[in-house]
Amino acid sequence: MKKALMVLFSCFSLAFMVAAPVSAQEPGTVIRVTIPFEFNVRGKTLPAGRYEISCISDASETLGVYNRAAHKELVFETDSIETRSPHRDGQLMFHRYGDTYFLYEIWAPGSDMGHELPRSRAERKLEHQAANQNRRPEMVALAVDEM
């Protein structure tokens, strides 16, 4: 009996550990983050402010970003990416060229799966200019406020 309970407990523990990261990717799950600078997503410039980011379809690569105060909303496609060391608190990654920021990656808290945005034409242009000057974009990470 004791052995059966231990096996049952182990199965529930394993199921919980596997399900937790996946739930962060389900449609409707919201990541909240305060972004203190103007930034670009897929060719659109969004103002600094508090944003909500969520999967908006069953295909978890389609995300929406919404700023309630500025009434700004944008839907965009991403590529799935994976890491061996999950970001415990979640984070957004930006490429910075001078005063221009481009959203690059989105990581939900505790998840080993993230979202990567393809570089826009404007970012590729700035990247090329920086490379000609032997410079690289600065990587800027912002912690997710909450889910």
Protein backbone atom coordinates (compact mmCIF):
# COMPACT_ATOMS: atom_id res chain seq x y z
CA MET A 1 0.00 0.00 0.00
CA LYS A 2 2.80 2.39 0.92
CA LYS A 3 4.57 1.66 -2.35
CA ALA A 4 1.39 2.29 -4.34
CA LEU A 5 0.91 5.66 -2.63
CA MET A 6 4.52 6.65 -3.36
CA VAL A 7 4.09 5.74 -7.05
CA LEU A 8 0.82 7.68 -7.20
CA PHE A 9 2.41 10.71 -5.52
CA SER A 10 5.37 10.55 -7.93
CA CYS A 11 3.03 10.44 -10.93
CA PHE A 12 1.07 13.48 -9.70
CA SER A 13 4.29 15.38 -9.01
CA LEU A 14 5.63 14.60 -12.47
CA ALA A 15 2.34 15.59 -14.12
CA PHE A 16 2.33 18.91 -12.24
CA MET A 17 5.95 19.70 -13.20
CA VAL A 18 5.24 18.96 -16.87
CA ALA A 19 1.94 20.86 -16.94
CA ALA A 20 3.15 24.03 -15.21
CA PRO A 21 5.42 25.33 -18.01
CA VAL A 22 2.91 24.39 -20.68
CA SER A 23 0.13 26.39 -19.04
CA ALA A 24 2.18 29.57 -19.46
CA GLN A 25 1.83 29.12 -23.21
CA GLU A 26 -1.92 28.51 -23.39
CA PRO A 27 -4.21 31.03 -25.12
CA GLY A 28 -5.60 33.56 -22.68
CA THR A 29 -2.66 33.42 -20.26
CA VAL A 30 -1.45 36.98 -19.69
CA ILE A 31 2.07 38.22 -18.91
CA ARG A 32 2.19 41.75 -17.48
CA VAL A 33 5.28 43.91 -17.83
CA THR A 34 6.19 47.58 -17.47
CA ILE A 35 8.38 48.78 -20.32
CA PRO A 36 10.09 52.10 -19.48
CA PHE A 37 11.02 53.00 -23.06
CA GLU A 38 9.49 53.26 -26.52
CA PHE A 39 10.04 50.02 -28.47
CA ASN A 40 9.42 48.39 -31.84
CA VAL A 41 7.49 45.22 -32.64
CA ARG A 42 7.35 44.01 -36.24
CA GLY A 43 7.74 47.50 -37.72
CA LYS A 44 5.39 49.28 -35.28
CA THR A 45 6.57 51.64 -32.55
CA LEU A 46 4.83 51.33 -29.19
CA PRO A 47 5.11 53.85 -26.31
CA ALA A 48 6.57 53.16 -22.89
CA GLY A 49 4.03 51.83 -20.43
CA ARG A 50 2.42 48.81 -18.81
CA TYR A 51 1.69 46.01 -21.26
CA GLU A 52 -0.17 42.72 -21.29
CA ILE A 53 1.14 40.00 -23.60
CA SER A 54 -0.84 36.86 -24.31
CA CYS A 55 -1.19 33.96 -26.72
CA ILE A 56 -4.31 34.68 -28.73
CA SER A 57 -4.82 31.47 -30.65
CA ASP A 58 -4.33 27.74 -30.31
CA ALA A 59 -1.15 28.20 -32.32
CA SER A 60 0.96 29.54 -29.45
CA GLU A 61 3.18 31.45 -31.89
CA THR A 62 0.53 34.17 -32.34
CA LEU A 63 0.79 36.77 -29.58
CA GLY A 64 -0.97 39.99 -28.76
CA VAL A 65 0.49 42.95 -26.89
CA TYR A 66 -1.85 45.50 -25.34
CA ASN A 67 -1.36 48.82 -23.52
CA ARG A 68 -4.65 49.75 -21.87
CA ALA A 69 -3.63 53.34 -21.02
CA ALA A 70 -2.46 54.21 -24.55
CA HIS A 71 -5.14 52.08 -26.26
CA LYS A 72 -2.41 50.38 -28.30
CA GLU A 73 -2.81 46.79 -29.42
CA LEU A 74 -0.72 44.70 -31.78
CA VAL A 75 -0.92 41.07 -32.92
CA PHE A 76 2.20 39.40 -34.26
CA GLU A 77 3.72 36.04 -35.12
CA THR A 78 6.71 34.57 -33.32
CA ASP A 79 8.92 31.51 -33.54
CA SER A 80 9.05 29.04 -30.66
CA ILE A 81 12.40 28.76 -28.90
CA GLU A 82 13.60 26.56 -26.06
CA THR A 83 16.14 26.88 -23.27
CA ARG A 84 17.71 24.35 -20.92
CA SER A 85 17.50 26.76 -17.99
CA PRO A 86 13.99 28.27 -17.61
CA HIS A 87 13.68 31.92 -16.63
CA ARG A 88 12.21 31.68 -13.14
CA ASP A 89 10.60 35.12 -13.17
CA GLY A 90 10.06 35.48 -16.91
CA GLN A 91 11.56 38.22 -19.02
CA LEU A 92 11.39 40.23 -22.21
CA MET A 93 14.57 40.68 -24.22
CA PHE A 94 15.24 43.70 -26.43
CA HIS A 95 17.94 44.61 -28.94
CA ARG A 96 19.05 48.20 -28.42
CA TYR A 97 20.67 50.37 -31.08
CA GLY A 98 21.30 53.80 -29.54
CA ASP A 99 17.87 54.94 -28.32
CA THR A 100 15.93 52.44 -30.47
CA TYR A 101 14.68 49.21 -28.88
CA PHE A 102 13.32 46.13 -30.67
CA LEU A 103 11.42 43.39 -28.83
CA TYR A 104 13.34 40.19 -29.50
CA GLU A 105 12.29 37.42 -27.07
CA ILE A 106 9.47 36.73 -24.60
CA TRP A 107 9.84 34.21 -21.76
CA ALA A 108 6.95 33.34 -19.44
CA PRO A 109 7.88 32.70 -15.78
CA GLY A 110 9.16 29.17 -15.19
CA SER A 111 8.83 28.09 -18.80
CA ASP A 112 11.56 26.50 -20.88
CA MET A 113 9.66 27.53 -24.02
CA GLY A 114 9.76 31.10 -25.26
CA HIS A 115 8.91 33.26 -28.24
CA GLU A 116 11.36 34.87 -30.63
CA LEU A 117 10.42 37.68 -33.00
CA PRO A 118 12.03 37.80 -36.43
CA ARG A 119 14.04 40.96 -37.05
CA SER A 120 12.14 43.68 -38.87
CA ARG A 121 13.49 45.52 -41.89
CA ALA A 122 14.28 48.56 -39.70
CA GLU A 123 16.22 46.43 -37.22
CA ARG A 124 18.17 44.69 -39.97
CA LYS A 125 19.13 48.11 -41.34
CA LEU A 126 20.37 49.30 -37.93
CA GLU A 127 22.14 45.99 -37.39
CA HIS A 128 23.95 46.40 -40.71
CA GLN A 129 24.97 49.98 -39.86
CA ALA A 130 26.26 48.86 -36.45
CA ALA A 131 28.22 46.00 -38.02
CA ASN A 132 29.89 48.46 -40.40
CA GLN A 133 31.12 50.31 -37.29
CA ASN A 134 32.20 47.06 -35.58
CA ARG A 135 29.42 47.36 -33.00
CA ARG A 136 26.80 44.90 -31.84
CA PRO A 137 23.33 45.60 -30.48
CA GLU A 138 23.04 45.80 -26.73
CA MET A 139 20.83 43.14 -25.14
CA VAL A 140 18.36 44.60 -22.62
CA ALA A 141 16.34 42.32 -20.33
CA LEU A 142 13.20 43.34 -18.43
CA ALA A 143 11.65 41.17 -15.75
CA VAL A 144 8.00 40.25 -16.10
CA ASP A 145 5.86 41.97 -13.43
CA GLU A 146 3.33 39.17 -12.99
CA MET A 147 1.14 36.67 -14.75
